[in-house]
Amino acid sequence: FTMFTPDSVWEKVSLSLVQIFIPLILQKPSARSKARENNKYLISRLQKWDIGNIEELLNECKVIQSRLQKINVTKEFNEKKAFCRRMLQGKVKEATRLIDNEKRTGILPIDDDTI
């Protein structure tokens, strides 16, 4: 941590870097990565951190995040396809369950909003 001492390039952002250290270092390289692969990436990231190569470390994590965003877009598309498929099959109740994002609470309380 000597690179974060006064008169260094990282002095102004040192506290922020310490706060993001754990999530940054422990981020999995992919959704289905194995423990051995996670270990390999952890060691390389710790080495980058020790030598002060923060830019490369951040770039690596940005790439991982961009992959995760693509996965979420695909998942959203698949949910829309599933909804359409069920509607075409006449399974309206199942289709509405797919798009219902709120928890099912059973019977609604009687108040001005429900009346």
Protein backbone atom coordinates (compact mmCIF):
# COMPACT_ATOMS: atom_id res chain seq x y z
CA PHE A 1 0.00 0.00 0.00
CA THR A 2 2.99 2.32 -0.27
CA MET A 3 1.72 3.48 -3.64
CA PHE A 4 -1.16 5.26 -1.88
CA THR A 5 1.03 7.44 0.30
CA PRO A 6 1.28 11.22 -0.19
CA ASP A 7 2.90 12.47 -3.40
CA SER A 8 1.72 9.49 -5.45
CA VAL A 9 -0.58 9.41 -8.46
CA TRP A 10 -3.20 7.45 -6.50
CA GLU A 11 -3.24 9.69 -3.41
CA LYS A 12 -6.55 11.42 -4.26
CA VAL A 13 -8.46 8.19 -4.92
CA SER A 14 -6.75 5.91 -2.43
CA LEU A 15 -9.72 5.62 -0.08
CA SER A 16 -12.06 4.76 -2.97
CA LEU A 17 -9.63 2.13 -4.22
CA VAL A 18 -9.46 0.48 -0.82
CA GLN A 19 -13.28 0.33 -0.73
CA ILE A 20 -13.53 -1.41 -4.11
CA PHE A 21 -10.56 -3.70 -3.47
CA ILE A 22 -12.46 -6.83 -2.36
CA PRO A 23 -15.22 -6.82 -5.03
CA LEU A 24 -12.65 -6.00 -7.70
CA ILE A 25 -10.24 -8.74 -6.72
CA LEU A 26 -12.86 -11.45 -6.05
CA GLN A 27 -14.92 -10.94 -9.20
CA LYS A 28 -15.41 -14.25 -11.03
CA PRO A 29 -14.04 -14.28 -14.59
CA SER A 30 -17.24 -15.86 -15.90
CA ALA A 31 -20.55 -17.12 -14.58
CA ARG A 32 -19.48 -20.76 -14.83
CA SER A 33 -15.82 -20.51 -13.86
CA LYS A 34 -14.32 -23.23 -11.70
CA ALA A 35 -12.37 -22.75 -8.47
CA ARG A 36 -9.01 -23.35 -10.16
CA GLU A 37 -9.71 -20.63 -12.74
CA ASN A 38 -10.91 -18.26 -10.00
CA ASN A 39 -7.66 -18.89 -8.09
CA LYS A 40 -5.56 -18.14 -11.15
CA TYR A 41 -7.35 -14.83 -11.74
CA LEU A 42 -7.17 -13.92 -8.04
CA ILE A 43 -3.40 -14.37 -8.01
CA SER A 44 -2.90 -12.34 -11.19
CA ARG A 45 -5.14 -9.54 -9.89
CA LEU A 46 -3.29 -9.40 -6.59
CA GLN A 47 -0.02 -9.11 -8.50
CA LYS A 48 -1.45 -6.26 -10.60
CA TRP A 49 -2.64 -4.55 -7.42
CA ASP A 50 0.75 -4.94 -5.74
CA ILE A 51 2.65 -3.35 -8.62
CA GLY A 52 0.05 -0.58 -8.92
CA ASN A 53 -1.33 -1.58 -12.30
CA ILE A 54 -4.84 -0.41 -11.41
CA GLU A 55 -5.81 0.62 -14.96
CA GLU A 56 -5.28 -2.89 -16.31
CA LEU A 57 -7.18 -4.35 -13.37
CA LEU A 58 -10.12 -2.01 -13.96
CA ASN A 59 -10.12 -2.75 -17.70
CA GLU A 60 -10.25 -6.49 -17.01
CA CYS A 61 -13.23 -6.03 -14.70
CA LYS A 62 -15.01 -3.78 -17.22
CA VAL A 63 -14.75 -6.55 -19.80
CA ILE A 64 -16.26 -9.03 -17.33
CA GLN A 65 -19.09 -6.59 -16.54
CA SER A 66 -19.84 -6.08 -20.23
CA ARG A 67 -20.17 -9.86 -20.66
CA LEU A 68 -22.59 -10.01 -17.73
CA GLN A 69 -24.72 -7.25 -19.24
CA LYS A 70 -24.98 -9.24 -22.49
CA ILE A 71 -26.16 -12.26 -20.50
CA ASN A 72 -28.87 -10.15 -18.84
CA VAL A 73 -30.09 -8.85 -22.22
CA THR A 74 -30.31 -12.42 -23.54
CA LYS A 75 -32.20 -13.52 -20.43
CA GLU A 76 -34.67 -10.67 -20.86
CA PHE A 77 -35.20 -11.62 -24.52
CA ASN A 78 -35.81 -15.26 -23.56
CA GLU A 79 -38.40 -14.20 -20.98
CA LYS A 80 -40.26 -12.24 -23.66
CA LYS A 81 -40.20 -15.25 -25.99
CA ALA A 82 -41.54 -17.49 -23.22
CA PHE A 83 -44.36 -15.03 -22.55
CA CYS A 84 -45.34 -14.92 -26.25
CA ARG A 85 -45.17 -18.70 -26.55
CA ARG A 86 -47.50 -19.22 -23.59
CA MET A 87 -49.95 -16.61 -24.86
CA LEU A 88 -50.07 -18.31 -28.27
CA GLN A 89 -50.69 -21.64 -26.54
CA GLY A 90 -53.59 -20.08 -24.62
CA LYS A 91 -51.84 -20.39 -21.24
CA VAL A 92 -52.70 -16.86 -20.12
CA LYS A 93 -52.31 -17.51 -16.39
CA GLU A 94 -48.79 -18.90 -16.85
CA ALA A 95 -47.89 -16.03 -19.16
CA THR A 96 -49.00 -13.41 -16.66
CA ARG A 97 -46.98 -15.12 -13.94
CA LEU A 98 -43.87 -14.64 -16.07
CA ILE A 99 -44.30 -10.89 -16.26
CA ASP A 100 -45.48 -10.43 -12.68
CA ASN A 101 -42.42 -9.00 -10.92
CA GLU A 102 -43.97 -8.41 -7.53
CA LYS A 103 -44.34 -11.02 -4.82
CA ARG A 104 -47.62 -12.78 -4.53
CA THR A 105 -49.24 -11.65 -1.31
CA GLY A 106 -52.55 -13.45 -1.53
CA ILE A 107 -55.63 -11.48 -0.52
CA LEU A 108 -55.28 -7.72 -0.78
CA PRO A 109 -56.06 -5.62 2.29
CA ILE A 110 -59.22 -3.54 2.10
CA ASP A 111 -58.26 0.11 1.83
CA ASP A 112 -58.83 3.08 -0.50
CA ASP A 113 -56.26 1.84 -3.04
CA THR A 114 -57.90 -1.57 -3.55
CA ILE A 115 -61.48 -0.25 -3.60
